[in-house]
Amino acid sequence: MNVFRQVKTVLWGFFGVAPRDARGQHEKTNPFVLIGVALVAVLVFLGTLAFIVHQVAKP
């Protein structure tokens, strides 16, 4: 299992883009790993947004 490849798969889905040669190619992936990577990516994204808002709205 290549975790880096699964991270790329989640990020492609997150941003809605993928290279042409990667479309339609599905390797054996563990759905639990994909869900875990997706949850971490969402938490990092939301944490970054909260940090930016906190820095901008600082009195």
Protein backbone atom coordinates (compact mmCIF):
# COMPACT_ATOMS: atom_id res chain seq x y z
CA MET A 1 0.00 0.00 0.00
CA ASN A 2 1.47 3.31 -1.07
CA VAL A 3 0.16 6.01 1.27
CA PHE A 4 1.61 8.82 -0.86
CA ARG A 5 -0.42 7.63 -3.86
CA GLN A 6 -3.56 7.55 -1.72
CA VAL A 7 -2.87 11.07 -0.48
CA LYS A 8 -2.57 12.20 -4.11
CA THR A 9 -5.85 10.43 -4.91
CA VAL A 10 -7.65 12.26 -2.08
CA LEU A 11 -6.16 15.61 -3.06
CA TRP A 12 -7.17 15.08 -6.70
CA GLY A 13 -10.72 14.45 -5.51
CA PHE A 14 -10.59 17.37 -3.09
CA PHE A 15 -9.61 19.84 -5.80
CA GLY A 16 -11.44 18.06 -8.60
CA VAL A 17 -8.45 17.64 -10.88
CA ALA A 18 -6.32 14.71 -11.96
CA PRO A 19 -3.81 14.14 -14.75
CA ARG A 20 -5.23 12.52 -17.86
CA ASP A 21 -3.10 9.41 -17.48
CA ALA A 22 -4.37 8.85 -13.92
CA ARG A 23 -8.08 9.03 -14.75
CA GLY A 24 -9.78 5.68 -14.90
CA GLN A 25 -6.90 3.84 -13.27
CA HIS A 26 -7.90 2.38 -9.96
CA GLU A 27 -5.48 0.39 -7.94
CA LYS A 28 -6.39 -1.66 -4.94
CA THR A 29 -6.94 0.88 -2.21
CA ASN A 30 -8.18 0.48 1.30
CA PRO A 31 -11.28 2.65 1.72
CA PHE A 32 -10.55 3.16 5.41
CA VAL A 33 -7.16 4.66 4.58
CA LEU A 34 -8.75 6.94 1.98
CA ILE A 35 -11.38 8.08 4.49
CA GLY A 36 -8.70 8.70 7.10
CA VAL A 37 -6.56 10.71 4.69
CA ALA A 38 -9.62 12.69 3.61
CA LEU A 39 -10.53 13.50 7.23
CA VAL A 40 -6.99 14.68 7.96
CA ALA A 41 -6.99 16.82 4.81
CA VAL A 42 -10.30 18.43 5.79
CA LEU A 43 -9.06 19.12 9.32
CA VAL A 44 -5.87 20.70 7.99
CA PHE A 45 -7.90 22.82 5.56
CA LEU A 46 -10.32 23.99 8.26
CA GLY A 47 -7.48 24.63 10.70
CA THR A 48 -5.71 26.76 8.11
CA LEU A 49 -8.88 28.75 7.47
CA ALA A 50 -9.45 29.27 11.20
CA PHE A 51 -5.83 30.40 11.64
CA ILE A 52 -6.13 32.91 8.78
CA VAL A 53 -9.42 34.30 10.13
CA HIS A 54 -7.95 34.54 13.62
CA GLN A 55 -4.91 36.44 12.32
CA VAL A 56 -7.00 38.82 10.21
CA ALA A 57 -9.63 39.51 12.87
CA LYS A 58 -7.07 40.09 15.64
CA PRO A 59 -7.85 43.41 17.46
